[in-house]
Amino acid sequence: MAKTGTTTTQGLRTAIERSGYYPALVSEAVESAVGTEPISSYLVHQETTFDANEVRRHVTVLVLTATRFVVSHTDEQTADDTSPVPYATTSTESVRLGRISSVVLSRVVANPETYTPGTLPREVVLTIGWGAVQRLDLEPAGCSDPNCDADHGYTGSATADDLSLRVSEAGDGPETVAEALRFAQALSEATVAQGA
């Protein structure tokens, strides 16, 4: 659930509880990372993934304060060599807003020729970069001569995509798509304010 304005810790906790995904564990981790700083916006997104013959759940909580962007991931794991019982892993990262280098929002709309402004997209992908993870895609460079066998080195691109979150109307519901749009706007505005 994304909310903006005078959001309280209790509102965030309620959204986490509503997700139904280990709410005590997730709430404690997020609240510990946020501390006493007031929350200006948040988004709670739960997704189910299929890994071979297993169904796994994952929850991502994004929190925006006046000075930081906090991201929390919680994954459940099946019993393995390190643990005889199922377990969950929770991580949080706190990023100073001035470090956020990009907020990318991709929208997928049906029938773009008849699109009406204000209509919700079918899905959105929110990608946020702050320099913690860089992806480098390389490929051999070449020239236009088909008979050339010289080594032209490599060419490629570097992409910062520390977090990518996909929300769809079909999988998450239209309200969650709207909430993701509101959170993306709040985060974009906050990063601009930090740069001013």
N, C-alpha and C. Protein backbone atom coordinates (compact mmCIF):
# COMPACT_ATOMS: atom_id res chain seq x y z
N MET A 1 0.83 -1.18 0.00
CA MET A 1 0.00 0.00 0.00
C MET A 1 0.88 1.24 0.00
N ALA A 2 0.63 2.17 -0.89
CA ALA A 2 1.39 3.41 -0.89
C ALA A 2 0.52 4.52 -0.35
N LYS A 3 1.08 5.32 0.50
CA LYS A 3 0.37 6.47 1.04
C LYS A 3 1.35 7.62 1.04
N THR A 4 0.84 8.83 0.89
CA THR A 4 1.70 9.99 0.97
C THR A 4 1.08 11.00 1.91
N GLY A 5 1.88 11.97 2.34
CA GLY A 5 1.39 13.02 3.22
C GLY A 5 1.78 12.74 4.65
N THR A 6 0.80 12.70 5.54
CA THR A 6 1.08 12.54 6.97
C THR A 6 0.95 11.09 7.37
N THR A 7 1.64 10.23 6.68
CA THR A 7 1.62 8.80 6.95
C THR A 7 2.31 8.53 8.28
N THR A 8 1.77 7.61 9.04
CA THR A 8 2.36 7.25 10.33
C THR A 8 2.95 5.86 10.27
N THR A 9 3.75 5.57 11.28
CA THR A 9 4.31 4.22 11.40
C THR A 9 3.18 3.21 11.52
N GLN A 10 2.11 3.58 12.21
CA GLN A 10 0.98 2.66 12.36
C GLN A 10 0.34 2.34 11.01
N GLY A 11 0.24 3.34 10.13
CA GLY A 11 -0.31 3.10 8.79
C GLY A 11 0.54 2.12 8.00
N LEU A 12 1.84 2.27 8.11
CA LEU A 12 2.75 1.34 7.44
C LEU A 12 2.60 -0.06 8.03
N ARG A 13 2.54 -0.13 9.34
CA ARG A 13 2.38 -1.44 9.99
C ARG A 13 1.08 -2.11 9.55
N THR A 14 0.00 -1.34 9.44
CA THR A 14 -1.29 -1.88 8.99
C THR A 14 -1.17 -2.44 7.57
N ALA A 15 -0.47 -1.72 6.69
CA ALA A 15 -0.29 -2.20 5.31
C ALA A 15 0.52 -3.49 5.28
N ILE A 16 1.54 -3.56 6.14
CA ILE A 16 2.35 -4.79 6.20
C ILE A 16 1.50 -5.94 6.73
N GLU A 17 0.71 -5.70 7.75
CA GLU A 17 -0.17 -6.74 8.28
C GLU A 17 -1.18 -7.19 7.24
N ARG A 18 -1.70 -6.26 6.47
CA ARG A 18 -2.68 -6.59 5.44
C ARG A 18 -2.07 -7.50 4.37
N SER A 19 -0.76 -7.36 4.13
CA SER A 19 -0.11 -8.23 3.14
C SER A 19 -0.09 -9.67 3.61
N GLY A 20 -0.12 -9.88 4.94
CA GLY A 20 -0.18 -11.23 5.49
C GLY A 20 1.12 -12.01 5.41
N TYR A 21 2.21 -11.34 5.15
CA TYR A 21 3.49 -12.02 4.95
C TYR A 21 4.41 -11.74 6.13
N TYR A 22 4.46 -12.64 7.08
CA TYR A 22 5.30 -12.50 8.27
C TYR A 22 5.29 -11.07 8.82
N PRO A 23 4.12 -10.54 9.17
CA PRO A 23 4.03 -9.12 9.51
C PRO A 23 4.89 -8.68 10.69
N ALA A 24 5.03 -9.51 11.71
CA ALA A 24 5.85 -9.10 12.86
C ALA A 24 7.31 -8.95 12.45
N LEU A 25 7.82 -9.89 11.68
CA LEU A 25 9.22 -9.86 11.22
C LEU A 25 9.46 -8.67 10.30
N VAL A 26 8.59 -8.49 9.31
CA VAL A 26 8.76 -7.41 8.34
C VAL A 26 8.64 -6.05 9.03
N SER A 27 7.62 -5.88 9.88
CA SER A 27 7.43 -4.61 10.57
C SER A 27 8.63 -4.23 11.42
N GLU A 28 9.14 -5.19 12.17
CA GLU A 28 10.28 -4.90 13.04
C GLU A 28 11.50 -4.46 12.22
N ALA A 29 11.77 -5.15 11.12
CA ALA A 29 12.92 -4.81 10.29
C ALA A 29 12.77 -3.41 9.69
N VAL A 30 11.59 -3.12 9.15
CA VAL A 30 11.36 -1.82 8.52
C VAL A 30 11.40 -0.70 9.55
N GLU A 31 10.70 -0.89 10.67
CA GLU A 31 10.66 0.16 11.69
C GLU A 31 12.04 0.43 12.27
N SER A 32 12.85 -0.59 12.40
CA SER A 32 14.20 -0.43 12.90
C SER A 32 15.03 0.41 11.92
N ALA A 33 14.87 0.18 10.63
CA ALA A 33 15.62 0.92 9.62
C ALA A 33 15.15 2.37 9.53
N VAL A 34 13.85 2.59 9.65
CA VAL A 34 13.30 3.95 9.54
C VAL A 34 13.61 4.76 10.79
N GLY A 35 13.60 4.11 11.95
CA GLY A 35 13.86 4.81 13.20
C GLY A 35 12.73 5.77 13.55
N THR A 36 13.07 6.93 14.08
CA THR A 36 12.06 7.90 14.52
C THR A 36 11.70 8.91 13.44
N GLU A 37 12.32 8.82 12.28
CA GLU A 37 12.05 9.78 11.21
C GLU A 37 10.63 9.61 10.67
N PRO A 38 9.88 10.70 10.50
CA PRO A 38 8.51 10.59 9.97
C PRO A 38 8.50 10.04 8.54
N ILE A 39 7.49 9.26 8.24
CA ILE A 39 7.33 8.62 6.93
C ILE A 39 6.46 9.52 6.05
N SER A 40 6.94 9.79 4.83
CA SER A 40 6.14 10.61 3.92
C SER A 40 5.41 9.78 2.87
N SER A 41 5.91 8.59 2.55
CA SER A 41 5.25 7.71 1.58
C SER A 41 5.78 6.30 1.75
N TYR A 42 4.97 5.32 1.36
CA TYR A 42 5.45 3.93 1.40
C TYR A 42 4.68 3.08 0.41
N LEU A 43 5.27 1.94 0.09
CA LEU A 43 4.66 0.97 -0.81
C LEU A 43 5.01 -0.41 -0.29
N VAL A 44 4.01 -1.25 -0.11
CA VAL A 44 4.21 -2.63 0.31
C VAL A 44 3.77 -3.51 -0.86
N HIS A 45 4.67 -4.35 -1.35
CA HIS A 45 4.37 -5.20 -2.50
C HIS A 45 4.77 -6.64 -2.23
N GLN A 46 3.80 -7.52 -2.27
CA GLN A 46 4.07 -8.94 -2.10
C GLN A 46 3.94 -9.62 -3.45
N GLU A 47 4.87 -10.52 -3.73
CA GLU A 47 4.76 -11.29 -4.97
C GLU A 47 5.07 -12.75 -4.70
N THR A 48 4.47 -13.58 -5.51
CA THR A 48 4.70 -15.02 -5.43
C THR A 48 5.48 -15.43 -6.66
N THR A 49 6.54 -16.21 -6.46
CA THR A 49 7.34 -16.68 -7.58
C THR A 49 7.36 -18.20 -7.58
N PHE A 50 7.61 -18.75 -8.74
CA PHE A 50 7.67 -20.19 -8.89
C PHE A 50 9.11 -20.57 -9.23
N ASP A 51 9.72 -21.37 -8.37
CA ASP A 51 11.10 -21.78 -8.52
C ASP A 51 11.12 -23.31 -8.62
N ALA A 52 11.30 -23.81 -9.84
CA ALA A 52 11.23 -25.25 -10.11
C ALA A 52 9.87 -25.77 -9.64
N ASN A 53 9.86 -26.65 -8.65
CA ASN A 53 8.59 -27.19 -8.14
C ASN A 53 8.12 -26.50 -6.87
N GLU A 54 8.75 -25.38 -6.52
CA GLU A 54 8.41 -24.70 -5.28
C GLU A 54 7.73 -23.36 -5.55
N VAL A 55 6.84 -23.00 -4.65
CA VAL A 55 6.20 -21.69 -4.67
C VAL A 55 6.83 -20.89 -3.54
N ARG A 56 7.35 -19.71 -3.88
CA ARG A 56 7.99 -18.87 -2.87
C ARG A 56 7.33 -17.51 -2.85
N ARG A 57 7.26 -16.95 -1.66
CA ARG A 57 6.71 -15.61 -1.51
C ARG A 57 7.85 -14.64 -1.19
N HIS A 58 7.62 -13.40 -1.54
CA HIS A 58 8.62 -12.36 -1.33
C HIS A 58 7.85 -11.06 -1.09
N VAL A 59 8.30 -10.26 -0.14
CA VAL A 59 7.68 -8.96 0.07
C VAL A 59 8.76 -7.89 0.03
N THR A 60 8.43 -6.80 -0.65
CA THR A 60 9.30 -5.63 -0.72
C THR A 60 8.54 -4.48 -0.10
N VAL A 61 9.20 -3.76 0.81
CA VAL A 61 8.61 -2.58 1.43
C VAL A 61 9.52 -1.41 1.10
N LEU A 62 8.93 -0.38 0.49
CA LEU A 62 9.66 0.84 0.16
C LEU A 62 9.12 1.96 1.04
N VAL A 63 10.02 2.70 1.67
CA VAL A 63 9.62 3.79 2.56
C VAL A 63 10.39 5.04 2.18
N LEU A 64 9.69 6.15 2.14
CA LEU A 64 10.29 7.44 1.85
C LEU A 64 10.14 8.33 3.06
N THR A 65 11.26 8.91 3.51
CA THR A 65 11.24 9.91 4.57
C THR A 65 11.74 11.22 3.97
N ALA A 66 11.89 12.23 4.77
CA ALA A 66 12.37 13.52 4.26
C ALA A 66 13.82 13.45 3.79
N THR A 67 14.59 12.48 4.30
CA THR A 67 16.01 12.43 3.97
C THR A 67 16.47 11.12 3.37
N ARG A 68 15.65 10.05 3.48
CA ARG A 68 16.11 8.73 3.07
C ARG A 68 15.05 7.96 2.30
N PHE A 69 15.56 7.00 1.54
CA PHE A 69 14.75 5.97 0.89
C PHE A 69 15.17 4.66 1.54
N VAL A 70 14.21 3.96 2.14
CA VAL A 70 14.49 2.69 2.81
C VAL A 70 13.82 1.58 2.02
N VAL A 71 14.59 0.54 1.72
CA VAL A 71 14.05 -0.61 1.00
C VAL A 71 14.28 -1.85 1.84
N SER A 72 13.25 -2.68 1.96
CA SER A 72 13.33 -3.91 2.72
C SER A 72 12.83 -5.06 1.86
N HIS A 73 13.58 -6.15 1.88
CA HIS A 73 13.18 -7.38 1.18
C HIS A 73 13.09 -8.51 2.20
N THR A 74 12.04 -9.29 2.10
CA THR A 74 11.93 -10.49 2.93
C THR A 74 11.56 -11.65 2.02
N ASP A 75 12.35 -12.72 2.12
CA ASP A 75 12.14 -13.93 1.32
C ASP A 75 11.99 -15.12 2.25
N GLU A 76 11.14 -16.05 1.86
CA GLU A 76 11.07 -17.30 2.62
C GLU A 76 11.89 -18.36 1.91
N GLN A 77 12.48 -19.23 2.70
CA GLN A 77 13.33 -20.29 2.18
C GLN A 77 12.86 -21.63 2.73
N THR A 78 13.04 -22.66 1.95
CA THR A 78 12.71 -24.00 2.43
C THR A 78 13.89 -24.54 3.24
N ALA A 79 13.65 -25.59 3.95
CA ALA A 79 14.73 -26.23 4.71
C ALA A 79 15.84 -26.63 3.74
N ASP A 80 17.07 -26.49 4.21
CA ASP A 80 18.21 -26.85 3.37
C ASP A 80 19.36 -27.34 4.24
N ASP A 81 20.56 -27.39 3.69
CA ASP A 81 21.72 -27.88 4.44
C ASP A 81 22.05 -27.01 5.65
N THR A 82 21.70 -25.73 5.58
CA THR A 82 22.04 -24.83 6.69
C THR A 82 20.96 -24.77 7.76
N SER A 83 19.75 -25.22 7.43
CA SER A 83 18.66 -25.17 8.40
C SER A 83 17.71 -26.33 8.17
N PRO A 84 17.40 -27.09 9.22
CA PRO A 84 16.50 -28.23 9.05
C PRO A 84 15.02 -27.81 8.94
N VAL A 85 14.73 -26.53 9.19
CA VAL A 85 13.35 -26.03 9.11
C VAL A 85 13.30 -24.86 8.14
N PRO A 86 12.12 -24.55 7.58
CA PRO A 86 12.01 -23.38 6.72
C PRO A 86 12.39 -22.10 7.48
N TYR A 87 12.87 -21.10 6.76
CA TYR A 87 13.28 -19.86 7.40
C TYR A 87 13.05 -18.68 6.46
N ALA A 88 13.15 -17.48 7.00
CA ALA A 88 12.98 -16.26 6.21
C ALA A 88 14.24 -15.42 6.35
N THR A 89 14.55 -14.69 5.30
CA THR A 89 15.67 -13.77 5.29
C THR A 89 15.13 -12.37 5.04
N THR A 90 15.49 -11.44 5.91
CA THR A 90 15.05 -10.05 5.78
C THR A 90 16.27 -9.15 5.70
N SER A 91 16.27 -8.24 4.73
CA SER A 91 17.35 -7.26 4.64
C SER A 91 16.74 -5.88 4.45
N THR A 92 17.42 -4.87 4.98
CA THR A 92 16.99 -3.49 4.78
C THR A 92 18.20 -2.68 4.32
N GLU A 93 17.93 -1.69 3.51
CA GLU A 93 18.97 -0.76 3.09
C GLU A 93 18.41 0.64 3.19
N SER A 94 19.18 1.54 3.75
CA SER A 94 18.80 2.93 3.90
C SER A 94 19.68 3.77 2.99
N VAL A 95 19.06 4.51 2.07
CA VAL A 95 19.80 5.27 1.07
C VAL A 95 19.47 6.75 1.24
N ARG A 96 20.50 7.56 1.39
CA ARG A 96 20.31 9.01 1.46
C ARG A 96 19.70 9.46 0.12
N LEU A 97 18.67 10.32 0.16
CA LEU A 97 17.98 10.72 -1.07
C LEU A 97 18.93 11.34 -2.08
N GLY A 98 19.95 12.04 -1.63
CA GLY A 98 20.90 12.65 -2.54
C GLY A 98 21.70 11.64 -3.36
N ARG A 99 21.75 10.39 -2.92
CA ARG A 99 22.46 9.34 -3.65
C ARG A 99 21.65 8.75 -4.79
N ILE A 100 20.35 8.91 -4.77
CA ILE A 100 19.51 8.31 -5.82
C ILE A 100 19.79 9.02 -7.13
N SER A 101 20.27 8.25 -8.09
CA SER A 101 20.66 8.82 -9.38
C SER A 101 19.57 8.71 -10.44
N SER A 102 18.66 7.77 -10.27
CA SER A 102 17.58 7.65 -11.26
C SER A 102 16.35 6.99 -10.67
N VAL A 103 15.21 7.47 -11.11
CA VAL A 103 13.92 6.86 -10.81
C VAL A 103 13.24 6.68 -12.17
N VAL A 104 13.14 5.45 -12.61
CA VAL A 104 12.57 5.15 -13.92
C VAL A 104 11.23 4.47 -13.72
N LEU A 105 10.21 5.00 -14.37
CA LEU A 105 8.88 4.40 -14.31
C LEU A 105 8.46 4.04 -15.72
N SER A 106 8.33 2.74 -15.99
CA SER A 106 7.88 2.25 -17.29
C SER A 106 6.40 1.88 -17.17
N ARG A 107 5.61 2.34 -18.11
CA ARG A 107 4.16 2.07 -18.11
C ARG A 107 3.80 1.24 -19.32
N VAL A 108 2.94 0.25 -19.12
CA VAL A 108 2.41 -0.55 -20.21
C VAL A 108 0.93 -0.26 -20.30
N VAL A 109 0.49 0.24 -21.46
CA VAL A 109 -0.93 0.56 -21.65
C VAL A 109 -1.48 -0.25 -22.81
N ALA A 110 -2.73 -0.64 -22.67
CA ALA A 110 -3.42 -1.37 -23.74
C ALA A 110 -4.05 -0.35 -24.69
N ASN A 111 -4.13 -0.69 -25.94
CA ASN A 111 -4.77 0.13 -26.96
C ASN A 111 -4.32 1.59 -26.88
N PRO A 112 -3.04 1.85 -27.11
CA PRO A 112 -2.53 3.22 -26.96
C PRO A 112 -3.18 4.24 -27.89
N GLU A 113 -3.73 3.76 -29.00
CA GLU A 113 -4.37 4.70 -29.94
C GLU A 113 -5.64 5.33 -29.35
N THR A 114 -6.23 4.69 -28.35
CA THR A 114 -7.43 5.25 -27.72
C THR A 114 -7.18 5.62 -26.26
N TYR A 115 -5.92 5.81 -25.90
CA TYR A 115 -5.57 6.13 -24.51
C TYR A 115 -6.19 7.46 -24.08
N THR A 116 -6.75 7.45 -22.89
CA THR A 116 -7.30 8.65 -22.28
C THR A 116 -6.45 9.02 -21.09
N PRO A 117 -5.96 10.27 -21.02
CA PRO A 117 -5.14 10.67 -19.87
C PRO A 117 -5.85 10.37 -18.55
N GLY A 118 -5.08 9.84 -17.62
CA GLY A 118 -5.63 9.47 -16.32
C GLY A 118 -5.99 8.01 -16.20
N THR A 119 -6.02 7.29 -17.33
CA THR A 119 -6.31 5.86 -17.32
C THR A 119 -5.11 5.12 -16.74
N LEU A 120 -5.36 4.18 -15.84
CA LEU A 120 -4.27 3.42 -15.25
C LEU A 120 -3.60 2.53 -16.29
N PRO A 121 -2.29 2.44 -16.22
CA PRO A 121 -1.59 1.49 -17.09
C PRO A 121 -1.94 0.06 -16.70
N ARG A 122 -1.72 -0.87 -17.61
CA ARG A 122 -1.93 -2.28 -17.34
C ARG A 122 -0.90 -2.79 -16.33
N GLU A 123 0.30 -2.24 -16.44
CA GLU A 123 1.35 -2.58 -15.48
C GLU A 123 2.37 -1.45 -15.46
N VAL A 124 3.12 -1.39 -14.36
CA VAL A 124 4.22 -0.44 -14.24
C VAL A 124 5.44 -1.17 -13.70
N VAL A 125 6.60 -0.70 -14.11
CA VAL A 125 7.86 -1.20 -13.58
C VAL A 125 8.61 0.01 -13.04
N LEU A 126 8.89 -0.02 -11.75
CA LEU A 126 9.61 1.05 -11.08
C LEU A 126 11.05 0.58 -10.88
N THR A 127 12.00 1.31 -11.47
CA THR A 127 13.42 0.97 -11.34
C THR A 127 14.12 2.15 -10.69
N ILE A 128 14.85 1.87 -9.62
CA ILE A 128 15.51 2.92 -8.85
C ILE A 128 16.99 2.59 -8.78
N GLY A 129 17.83 3.57 -9.09
CA GLY A 129 19.28 3.36 -9.05
C GLY A 129 19.94 4.34 -8.10
N TRP A 130 20.85 3.81 -7.30
CA TRP A 130 21.63 4.66 -6.40
C TRP A 130 23.10 4.27 -6.37
N GLY A 131 23.50 3.43 -7.29
CA GLY A 131 24.91 3.12 -7.44
C GLY A 131 25.43 1.94 -6.64
N ALA A 132 24.58 1.24 -5.95
CA ALA A 132 25.05 0.08 -5.19
C ALA A 132 25.26 -1.12 -6.11
N VAL A 133 24.47 -1.22 -7.17
CA VAL A 133 24.57 -2.34 -8.11
C VAL A 133 24.69 -1.77 -9.51
N GLN A 134 25.69 -2.18 -10.22
CA GLN A 134 25.87 -1.79 -11.62
C GLN A 134 25.87 -3.06 -12.46
N ARG A 135 25.11 -3.05 -13.53
CA ARG A 135 25.11 -4.19 -14.46
C ARG A 135 25.87 -3.77 -15.71
N LEU A 136 26.81 -4.57 -16.13
CA LEU A 136 27.63 -4.27 -17.29
C LEU A 136 27.35 -5.33 -18.34
N ASP A 137 26.85 -4.90 -19.49
CA ASP A 137 26.57 -5.79 -20.61
C ASP A 137 27.61 -5.54 -21.70
N LEU A 138 28.44 -6.54 -21.98
CA LEU A 138 29.49 -6.41 -22.99
C LEU A 138 29.26 -7.36 -24.14
N GLU A 139 29.73 -6.94 -25.29
CA GLU A 139 29.71 -7.81 -26.47
C GLU A 139 30.90 -7.44 -27.34
N PRO A 140 31.38 -8.38 -28.13
CA PRO A 140 32.53 -8.07 -28.99
C PRO A 140 32.18 -6.96 -29.97
N ALA A 141 33.09 -6.01 -30.12
CA ALA A 141 32.90 -4.94 -31.10
C ALA A 141 33.32 -5.44 -32.47
N GLY A 142 32.79 -4.84 -33.48
CA GLY A 142 33.12 -5.26 -34.84
C GLY A 142 33.14 -4.07 -35.77
N CYS A 143 33.37 -4.35 -37.02
CA CYS A 143 33.31 -3.29 -38.04
C CYS A 143 32.43 -3.78 -39.18
N SER A 144 32.25 -2.91 -40.17
CA SER A 144 31.32 -3.24 -41.25
C SER A 144 31.93 -4.16 -42.32
N ASP A 145 33.21 -4.42 -42.23
CA ASP A 145 33.88 -5.29 -43.21
C ASP A 145 33.62 -6.76 -42.85
N PRO A 146 32.87 -7.49 -43.68
CA PRO A 146 32.55 -8.88 -43.35
C PRO A 146 33.78 -9.80 -43.37
N ASN A 147 34.86 -9.41 -44.01
CA ASN A 147 36.07 -10.24 -44.08
C ASN A 147 37.11 -9.88 -43.02
N CYS A 148 36.81 -8.88 -42.20
CA CYS A 148 37.76 -8.44 -41.19
C CYS A 148 37.81 -9.45 -40.04
N ASP A 149 39.01 -9.82 -39.64
CA ASP A 149 39.15 -10.73 -38.51
C ASP A 149 39.98 -10.08 -37.39
N ALA A 150 40.09 -8.76 -37.41
CA ALA A 150 40.84 -8.03 -36.38
C ALA A 150 40.04 -8.00 -35.08
N ASP A 151 40.77 -7.89 -33.99
CA ASP A 151 40.14 -7.76 -32.67
C ASP A 151 39.80 -6.28 -32.46
N HIS A 152 38.52 -5.98 -32.40
CA HIS A 152 38.06 -4.59 -32.22
C HIS A 152 37.71 -4.29 -30.77
N GLY A 153 38.06 -5.18 -29.88
CA GLY A 153 37.77 -4.95 -28.46
C GLY A 153 36.32 -5.27 -28.14
N TYR A 154 35.79 -4.57 -27.17
CA TYR A 154 34.42 -4.81 -26.73
C TYR A 154 33.64 -3.51 -26.69
N THR A 155 32.36 -3.64 -26.79
CA THR A 155 31.45 -2.52 -26.63
C THR A 155 30.36 -2.96 -25.65
N GLY A 156 29.73 -2.02 -25.03
CA GLY A 156 28.70 -2.41 -24.07
C GLY A 156 28.05 -1.22 -23.41
N SER A 157 27.31 -1.53 -22.39
CA SER A 157 26.62 -0.48 -21.63
C SER A 157 26.60 -0.85 -20.16
N ALA A 158 26.60 0.19 -19.33
CA ALA A 158 26.51 0.02 -17.89
C ALA A 158 25.16 0.56 -17.45
N THR A 159 24.47 -0.20 -16.62
CA THR A 159 23.15 0.19 -16.16
C THR A 159 23.09 0.10 -14.64
N ALA A 160 22.56 1.15 -14.03
CA ALA A 160 22.36 1.13 -12.58
C ALA A 160 20.91 0.75 -12.32
N ASP A 161 20.70 -0.40 -11.75
CA ASP A 161 19.33 -0.82 -11.44
C ASP A 161 19.34 -1.58 -10.12
N ASP A 162 19.50 -0.81 -9.06
CA ASP A 162 19.58 -1.40 -7.74
C ASP A 162 18.27 -2.07 -7.34
N LEU A 163 17.16 -1.54 -7.81
CA LEU A 163 15.86 -2.11 -7.47
C LEU A 163 14.95 -2.00 -8.66
N SER A 164 14.28 -3.08 -9.00
CA SER A 164 13.27 -3.06 -10.04
C SER A 164 12.05 -3.80 -9.51
N LEU A 165 10.91 -3.12 -9.55
CA LEU A 165 9.68 -3.66 -8.97
C LEU A 165 8.58 -3.58 -10.03
N ARG A 166 7.98 -4.73 -10.36
CA ARG A 166 6.91 -4.80 -11.37
C ARG A 166 5.58 -4.98 -10.67
N VAL A 167 4.62 -4.14 -11.01
CA VAL A 167 3.27 -4.23 -10.46
C VAL A 167 2.30 -4.26 -11.63
N SER A 168 1.41 -5.26 -11.64
CA SER A 168 0.46 -5.37 -12.76
C SER A 168 -0.98 -5.39 -12.26
N GLU A 169 -1.84 -4.90 -13.10
CA GLU A 169 -3.27 -4.89 -12.78
C GLU A 169 -3.79 -6.31 -12.63
N ALA A 170 -3.35 -7.21 -13.52
CA ALA A 170 -3.82 -8.60 -13.48
C ALA A 170 -3.35 -9.33 -12.23
N GLY A 171 -2.11 -9.11 -11.83
CA GLY A 171 -1.56 -9.85 -10.70
C GLY A 171 -1.77 -9.19 -9.35
N ASP A 172 -1.77 -7.85 -9.32
CA ASP A 172 -1.81 -7.12 -8.06
C ASP A 172 -3.07 -6.28 -7.85
N GLY A 173 -3.81 -6.03 -8.92
CA GLY A 173 -5.01 -5.22 -8.82
C GLY A 173 -4.76 -3.78 -9.19
N PRO A 174 -5.79 -3.09 -9.66
CA PRO A 174 -5.63 -1.70 -10.11
C PRO A 174 -5.22 -0.75 -8.99
N GLU A 175 -5.67 -0.98 -7.77
CA GLU A 175 -5.30 -0.09 -6.67
C GLU A 175 -3.81 -0.15 -6.40
N THR A 176 -3.20 -1.32 -6.50
CA THR A 176 -1.76 -1.43 -6.28
C THR A 176 -0.99 -0.73 -7.39
N VAL A 177 -1.48 -0.79 -8.62
CA VAL A 177 -0.85 -0.06 -9.72
C VAL A 177 -0.90 1.44 -9.42
N ALA A 178 -2.06 1.93 -8.98
CA ALA A 178 -2.20 3.35 -8.64
C ALA A 178 -1.27 3.73 -7.48
N GLU A 179 -1.14 2.85 -6.50
CA GLU A 179 -0.26 3.11 -5.36
C GLU A 179 1.20 3.18 -5.80
N ALA A 180 1.60 2.30 -6.71
CA ALA A 180 2.97 2.33 -7.21
C ALA A 180 3.25 3.63 -7.97
N LEU A 181 2.27 4.11 -8.73
CA LEU A 181 2.41 5.38 -9.43
C LEU A 181 2.58 6.54 -8.45
N ARG A 182 1.78 6.54 -7.37
CA ARG A 182 1.88 7.60 -6.37
C ARG A 182 3.23 7.57 -5.67
N PHE A 183 3.71 6.37 -5.32
CA PHE A 183 5.00 6.27 -4.66
C PHE A 183 6.11 6.76 -5.59
N ALA A 184 6.08 6.35 -6.85
CA ALA A 184 7.10 6.76 -7.81
C ALA A 184 7.13 8.28 -7.95
N GLN A 185 5.96 8.90 -7.98
CA GLN A 185 5.90 10.35 -8.08
C GLN A 185 6.48 11.01 -6.83
N ALA A 186 6.13 10.51 -5.66
CA ALA A 186 6.65 11.07 -4.40
C ALA A 186 8.17 10.93 -4.35
N LEU A 187 8.69 9.78 -4.76
CA LEU A 187 10.13 9.56 -4.74
C LEU A 187 10.83 10.48 -5.75
N SER A 188 10.27 10.61 -6.94
CA SER A 188 10.86 11.50 -7.95
C SER A 188 10.91 12.93 -7.44
N GLU A 189 9.81 13.38 -6.87
CA GLU A 189 9.76 14.75 -6.33
C GLU A 189 10.77 14.94 -5.20
N ALA A 190 10.91 13.93 -4.35
CA ALA A 190 11.84 14.04 -3.22
C ALA A 190 13.29 14.10 -3.70
N THR A 191 13.62 13.34 -4.75
CA THR A 191 15.00 13.37 -5.23
C THR A 191 15.31 14.70 -5.92
N VAL A 192 14.33 15.29 -6.57
CA VAL A 192 14.53 16.61 -7.18
C VAL A 192 14.73 17.65 -6.10
N ALA A 193 13.94 17.57 -5.03
CA ALA A 193 14.07 18.52 -3.91
C ALA A 193 15.44 18.41 -3.27
N GLN A 194 16.01 17.21 -3.19
CA GLN A 194 17.33 17.02 -2.59
C GLN A 194 18.42 17.63 -3.47
N GLY A 195 18.20 17.63 -4.77
CA GLY A 195 19.20 18.18 -5.69
C GLY A 195 19.16 19.69 -5.81
N ALA A 196 18.09 20.31 -5.33
CA ALA A 196 17.93 21.76 -5.47
C ALA A 196 18.79 22.54 -4.50
